[in-house]
Amino acid sequence: MVDSLYLENNEKINDLYEKAVENNEFKDKSEKIRKELINITLNEAEKISRKKPRLKNYHRINRKLDNYQNKIESLKEKYFIDPFSYSPIHIDLIEKNNKSNALYNLINKNRWDLKSDIITTLDRVGNDSSFIREASEGSGIPLEDILSLIHIESSGKEFALSLNGCINRMQINPRYAKLIYDEVTYQNNNLAYFIKKNSSKDDFVENLVKNSKLNIAVGVNYFKHLREYFDDEAKALVAYNFGIPNLKDMEDNIINKLYKRKFSRDDLKFPTISYYAKYKNAKNTLKEIKNYLS
């Protein structure tokens, strides 16, 4: 099973993380950094909602977010948590190969750049890995689909902003927050209950930034809504990123390209095709990693 290969070691992950959290110095420092990240994300997302930033300023914002997140990773290393040993995929490798860098050696040998990126994504979502598995089970969306979506949207970063102000792992757009809230809470599943329990419509955007699990739950349930609406994975994925109105306005010849077995260079010039191709590549890569681990 994919979930057992990727996320079966959640108790070990949580035990290691809780061990560090018990350290008051780590807790105080990491919480202080998280507050900075939350404030930066909310302030910048609000600014972007009024005016799209210049590319230079956009990169500056994300460098700032990355710098703060790197500080948290450094604290984890200092207080007993090595990010490459507490992630689920590396625990598997340690148990199977008795060394944590086995897959990295294989990556270097085969020049698997995409695989390296995927593993980085899996490392970044480590603390929420148990919840991601529950979200997969609750929504009926395969785990590799969710992980691939997280990978192409944010590379697994808990704090990330797009040029349009979309926020964090699942890149939820604050401009459509109230509409999205309705779309993800009408469904009769545990994720809808979790969303309603952890946020009202009025403070939805703020909670999407503060609560990483809520961000994941919303993204997964919205993806589920789109898959049911279109009954088509390709269209659902494109609608997730580009919006339903934009998808409906696309020319048929572009939509038809989504179903090709292999995309040409000319195909990949279309943003929609390029986006879907990245998703398919991520899914295939996760399957290759699964085969290696098994």
Protein backbone atom coordinates (compact mmCIF):
# COMPACT_ATOMS: atom_id res chain seq x y z
CA MET A 1 0.00 0.00 0.00
CA VAL A 2 1.23 3.47 -0.86
CA ASP A 3 0.20 4.92 2.47
CA SER A 4 2.14 2.31 4.43
CA LEU A 5 5.26 3.01 2.38
CA TYR A 6 5.11 6.80 2.62
CA LEU A 7 3.48 7.49 5.95
CA GLU A 8 3.43 4.39 8.11
CA ASN A 9 5.93 5.73 10.66
CA ASN A 10 3.85 8.62 11.95
CA GLU A 11 4.15 7.59 15.59
CA LYS A 12 7.94 7.69 15.32
CA ILE A 13 7.78 11.08 13.63
CA ASN A 14 5.43 12.47 16.27
CA ASP A 15 7.49 11.00 19.13
CA LEU A 16 10.63 12.68 17.84
CA TYR A 17 8.86 15.99 17.31
CA GLU A 18 7.16 15.91 20.71
CA LYS A 19 10.50 15.15 22.33
CA ALA A 20 11.85 18.39 20.92
CA VAL A 21 8.67 20.34 21.73
CA GLU A 22 9.06 19.31 25.38
CA ASN A 23 12.23 21.37 25.37
CA ASN A 24 11.00 24.83 26.44
CA GLU A 25 13.81 26.63 24.69
CA PHE A 26 12.99 24.95 21.38
CA LYS A 27 9.27 25.57 21.89
CA ASP A 28 9.72 29.27 22.65
CA LYS A 29 12.08 29.91 19.77
CA SER A 30 10.11 27.93 17.19
CA GLU A 31 6.80 29.52 18.22
CA LYS A 32 8.33 32.97 17.92
CA ILE A 33 9.48 32.19 14.38
CA ARG A 34 6.08 30.72 13.47
CA LYS A 35 4.36 33.91 14.62
CA GLU A 36 6.66 35.90 12.34
CA LEU A 37 5.82 33.57 9.45
CA ILE A 38 2.09 33.89 10.09
CA ASN A 39 2.27 37.69 10.27
CA ILE A 40 4.36 37.98 7.11
CA THR A 41 2.07 35.64 5.18
CA LEU A 42 -1.14 37.38 6.25
CA ASN A 43 0.23 40.89 5.65
CA GLU A 44 1.72 40.10 2.25
CA ALA A 45 -1.36 38.13 1.11
CA GLU A 46 -3.52 41.12 2.01
CA LYS A 47 -1.24 43.47 0.03
CA ILE A 48 -1.28 41.16 -2.99
CA SER A 49 -5.09 41.07 -2.89
CA ARG A 50 -5.01 44.85 -3.49
CA LYS A 51 -2.16 44.96 -5.99
CA LYS A 52 -0.10 42.28 -7.68
CA PRO A 53 3.57 42.69 -6.70
CA ARG A 54 6.45 43.11 -9.08
CA LEU A 55 8.34 39.91 -9.69
CA LYS A 56 11.37 41.22 -7.79
CA ASN A 57 9.27 41.96 -4.70
CA TYR A 58 7.49 38.61 -4.99
CA HIS A 59 10.79 36.73 -4.89
CA ARG A 60 11.92 38.86 -1.97
CA ILE A 61 8.81 37.88 0.01
CA ASN A 62 9.32 34.17 -0.58
CA ARG A 63 13.03 34.37 0.24
CA LYS A 64 12.03 35.93 3.53
CA LEU A 65 9.55 33.12 4.21
CA ASP A 66 12.14 30.50 3.27
CA ASN A 67 14.74 32.07 5.56
CA TYR A 68 12.40 31.89 8.55
CA GLN A 69 11.42 28.30 7.74
CA ASN A 70 15.09 27.37 7.49
CA LYS A 71 15.57 28.75 10.99
CA ILE A 72 12.95 26.31 12.29
CA GLU A 73 14.70 23.43 10.51
CA SER A 74 17.98 24.49 12.12
CA LEU A 75 16.30 24.47 15.53
CA LYS A 76 15.00 20.95 14.88
CA GLU A 77 18.51 19.78 14.12
CA LYS A 78 19.82 21.48 17.25
CA TYR A 79 17.14 19.98 19.49
CA PHE A 80 17.38 16.32 18.49
CA ILE A 81 15.36 16.35 15.24
CA ASP A 82 17.26 15.81 12.01
CA PRO A 83 14.85 16.68 9.15
CA PHE A 84 16.29 13.85 7.05
CA SER A 85 15.89 11.23 9.77
CA TYR A 86 12.43 12.05 11.12
CA SER A 87 10.66 12.10 7.77
CA PRO A 88 8.67 8.94 6.97
CA ILE A 89 10.61 8.08 3.85
CA HIS A 90 13.96 8.23 5.61
CA ILE A 91 12.78 6.14 8.55
CA ASP A 92 11.89 3.47 5.97
CA LEU A 93 15.36 3.74 4.49
CA ILE A 94 17.10 3.54 7.85
CA GLU A 95 15.16 0.40 8.75
CA LYS A 96 15.64 -1.27 5.35
CA ASN A 97 19.21 -0.21 4.61
CA ASN A 98 20.64 0.79 7.98
CA LYS A 99 21.72 4.12 6.52
CA SER A 100 19.79 7.33 5.98
CA ASN A 101 21.38 8.39 2.70
CA ALA A 102 20.68 5.24 0.68
CA LEU A 103 18.09 6.82 -1.58
CA TYR A 104 20.14 9.97 -1.98
CA ASN A 105 23.06 7.86 -3.20
CA LEU A 106 20.71 6.23 -5.68
CA ILE A 107 19.44 9.65 -6.78
CA ASN A 108 22.95 10.97 -7.36
CA LYS A 109 23.88 7.85 -9.29
CA ASN A 110 20.88 8.15 -11.61
CA ARG A 111 20.62 11.97 -11.68
CA TRP A 112 17.03 11.87 -10.46
CA ASP A 113 16.48 15.61 -10.00
CA LEU A 114 12.70 15.28 -9.79
CA LYS A 115 12.96 12.45 -7.29
CA SER A 116 15.19 14.58 -5.10
CA ASP A 117 12.57 17.35 -5.21
CA ILE A 118 9.77 14.91 -4.35
CA ILE A 119 11.69 13.60 -1.35
CA THR A 120 12.26 17.17 -0.17
CA THR A 121 8.49 17.66 -0.34
CA LEU A 122 7.91 14.50 1.70
CA ASP A 123 10.43 15.73 4.27
CA ARG A 124 8.66 19.09 4.56
CA VAL A 125 5.23 17.57 5.20
CA GLY A 126 6.60 15.14 7.80
CA ASN A 127 4.88 16.70 10.81
CA ASP A 128 1.50 16.59 9.05
CA SER A 129 1.99 13.20 7.41
CA SER A 130 -0.52 11.43 9.64
CA PHE A 131 -3.18 14.02 8.85
CA ILE A 132 -2.48 13.76 5.10
CA ARG A 133 -3.10 10.02 5.28
CA GLU A 134 -6.36 10.64 7.16
CA ALA A 135 -7.35 13.23 4.54
CA SER A 136 -6.74 10.66 1.82
CA GLU A 137 -8.87 8.08 3.58
CA GLY A 138 -11.62 10.60 4.39
CA SER A 139 -11.84 12.02 0.87
CA GLY A 140 -11.27 8.84 -1.11
CA ILE A 141 -8.50 10.56 -3.08
CA PRO A 142 -5.40 8.37 -3.46
CA LEU A 143 -2.50 9.44 -1.29
CA GLU A 144 -0.12 9.83 -4.24
CA ASP A 145 -2.60 12.24 -5.87
CA ILE A 146 -2.64 14.45 -2.77
CA LEU A 147 1.15 14.35 -2.36
CA SER A 148 1.59 15.20 -6.06
CA LEU A 149 -0.78 18.15 -5.72
CA ILE A 150 1.08 19.44 -2.66
CA HIS A 151 4.37 19.02 -4.53
CA ILE A 152 3.40 21.04 -7.61
CA GLU A 153 1.56 23.71 -5.62
CA SER A 154 4.10 24.48 -2.88
CA SER A 155 6.88 21.87 -2.84
CA GLY A 156 5.51 20.96 0.60
CA LYS A 157 6.35 24.31 2.21
CA GLU A 158 4.08 25.16 5.11
CA PHE A 159 4.42 28.86 4.35
CA ALA A 160 4.36 29.90 0.69
CA LEU A 161 2.78 32.74 -1.30
CA SER A 162 2.02 32.85 -5.00
CA LEU A 163 1.97 35.93 -7.23
CA ASN A 164 -1.82 35.91 -6.84
CA GLY A 165 -1.61 35.69 -3.03
CA CYS A 166 -2.50 31.99 -2.75
CA ILE A 167 -1.38 30.70 0.61
CA ASN A 168 0.70 27.88 2.00
CA ARG A 169 0.83 24.16 1.17
CA MET A 170 -2.40 23.86 -0.79
CA GLN A 171 -2.19 27.40 -2.25
CA ILE A 172 -5.72 28.50 -1.33
CA ASN A 173 -6.75 31.82 -2.91
CA PRO A 174 -8.00 34.30 -0.26
CA ARG A 175 -10.00 36.21 -2.90
CA TYR A 176 -12.38 33.27 -3.19
CA ALA A 177 -12.19 32.19 0.44
CA LYS A 178 -15.93 32.46 1.18
CA LEU A 179 -16.87 30.55 -1.96
CA ILE A 180 -14.26 27.88 -1.23
CA TYR A 181 -15.50 27.59 2.36
CA ASP A 182 -18.97 26.71 1.08
CA GLU A 183 -17.57 24.20 -1.43
CA VAL A 184 -15.51 22.34 1.18
CA THR A 185 -18.03 22.27 4.03
CA TYR A 186 -21.19 21.04 2.26
CA GLN A 187 -19.71 17.58 1.81
CA ASN A 188 -20.69 14.81 4.18
CA ASN A 189 -17.24 13.68 5.29
CA ASN A 190 -14.82 14.03 8.21
CA LEU A 191 -12.81 16.72 6.45
CA ALA A 192 -15.86 18.99 6.17
CA TYR A 193 -16.51 18.48 9.87
CA PHE A 194 -12.86 19.24 10.68
CA ILE A 195 -12.98 22.46 8.62
CA LYS A 196 -16.16 23.71 10.28
CA LYS A 197 -14.79 22.81 13.71
CA ASN A 198 -11.55 24.73 13.15
CA SER A 199 -12.78 27.81 11.32
CA SER A 200 -15.80 29.94 10.58
CA LYS A 201 -16.24 31.68 7.25
CA ASP A 202 -15.34 35.04 8.82
CA ASP A 203 -11.87 34.07 10.07
CA PHE A 204 -11.20 31.49 7.35
CA VAL A 205 -8.18 33.17 5.71
CA GLU A 206 -6.40 33.78 8.99
CA ASN A 207 -6.92 30.17 10.08
CA LEU A 208 -5.74 28.85 6.71
CA VAL A 209 -2.39 30.49 7.48
CA LYS A 210 -2.21 29.57 11.16
CA ASN A 211 -3.38 25.96 10.93
CA SER A 212 -1.42 23.76 8.50
CA LYS A 213 -3.86 20.86 8.90
CA LEU A 214 -6.79 23.10 8.04
CA ASN A 215 -4.96 24.26 4.92
CA ILE A 216 -4.49 20.63 3.87
CA ALA A 217 -8.09 19.68 4.68
CA VAL A 218 -9.45 22.56 2.61
CA GLY A 219 -7.21 21.81 -0.37
CA VAL A 220 -8.06 18.11 -0.36
CA ASN A 221 -11.81 18.62 0.01
CA TYR A 222 -11.81 21.29 -2.70
CA PHE A 223 -9.95 18.90 -5.00
CA LYS A 224 -12.55 16.26 -4.15
CA HIS A 225 -15.34 18.73 -5.00
CA LEU A 226 -13.75 19.46 -8.40
CA ARG A 227 -13.20 15.78 -9.19
CA GLU A 228 -16.86 15.09 -8.52
CA TYR A 229 -17.98 18.21 -10.43
CA PHE A 230 -16.03 17.34 -13.59
CA ASP A 231 -15.79 13.55 -13.13
CA ASP A 232 -12.40 14.00 -14.76
CA GLU A 233 -9.03 14.15 -12.98
CA ALA A 234 -7.30 16.30 -15.61
CA LYS A 235 -10.02 18.95 -15.71
CA ALA A 236 -10.31 18.92 -11.90
CA LEU A 237 -6.59 19.53 -11.52
CA VAL A 238 -6.54 22.36 -14.06
CA ALA A 239 -9.59 23.93 -12.40
CA TYR A 240 -7.83 23.70 -9.01
CA ASN A 241 -4.99 25.87 -10.27
CA PHE A 242 -6.60 28.05 -12.93
CA GLY A 243 -10.21 28.23 -11.71
CA ILE A 244 -13.45 26.80 -13.08
CA PRO A 245 -14.34 29.89 -15.21
CA ASN A 246 -10.90 29.88 -16.87
CA LEU A 247 -11.18 26.17 -17.61
CA LYS A 248 -14.59 26.62 -19.22
CA ASP A 249 -13.21 29.43 -21.39
CA MET A 250 -10.29 27.35 -22.67
CA GLU A 251 -10.31 26.28 -26.27
CA ASP A 252 -11.14 22.64 -26.98
CA ASN A 253 -7.81 22.02 -28.70
CA ILE A 254 -5.98 22.89 -25.46
CA ILE A 255 -8.30 20.75 -23.31
CA ASN A 256 -7.86 17.82 -25.68
CA LYS A 257 -4.08 17.98 -25.27
CA LEU A 258 -4.50 16.98 -21.60
CA TYR A 259 -5.33 13.44 -22.67
CA LYS A 260 -2.25 12.82 -24.80
CA ARG A 261 0.04 10.03 -23.59
CA LYS A 262 3.09 12.19 -24.20
CA PHE A 263 3.37 15.98 -24.39
CA SER A 264 5.47 17.71 -27.03
CA ARG A 265 7.59 20.80 -26.38
CA ASP A 266 4.94 22.88 -28.10
CA ASP A 267 2.27 21.38 -25.83
CA LEU A 268 4.26 22.35 -22.75
CA LYS A 269 4.25 26.00 -23.82
CA PHE A 270 0.64 26.12 -22.61
CA PRO A 271 0.59 26.77 -18.81
CA THR A 272 -2.31 24.36 -18.30
CA ILE A 273 -0.52 21.51 -20.09
CA SER A 274 2.76 22.24 -18.29
CA TYR A 275 0.98 22.19 -14.93
CA TYR A 276 -0.76 18.90 -15.63
CA ALA A 277 2.47 17.37 -16.93
CA LYS A 278 4.22 18.26 -13.65
CA TYR A 279 1.42 16.55 -11.74
CA LYS A 280 1.69 13.38 -13.84
CA ASN A 281 5.48 13.36 -13.48
CA ALA A 282 5.18 13.71 -9.71
CA LYS A 283 2.75 10.76 -9.54
CA ASN A 284 5.03 8.59 -11.65
CA THR A 285 8.01 9.54 -9.49
CA LEU A 286 6.16 8.60 -6.30
CA LYS A 287 5.38 5.21 -7.84
CA GLU A 288 9.08 4.70 -8.64
CA ILE A 289 10.05 5.60 -5.08
CA LYS A 290 7.39 3.19 -3.81
CA ASN A 291 8.83 0.42 -5.98
CA TYR A 292 12.32 1.15 -4.67
CA LEU A 293 11.17 1.02 -1.05
CA SER A 294 9.23 -2.19 -1.58
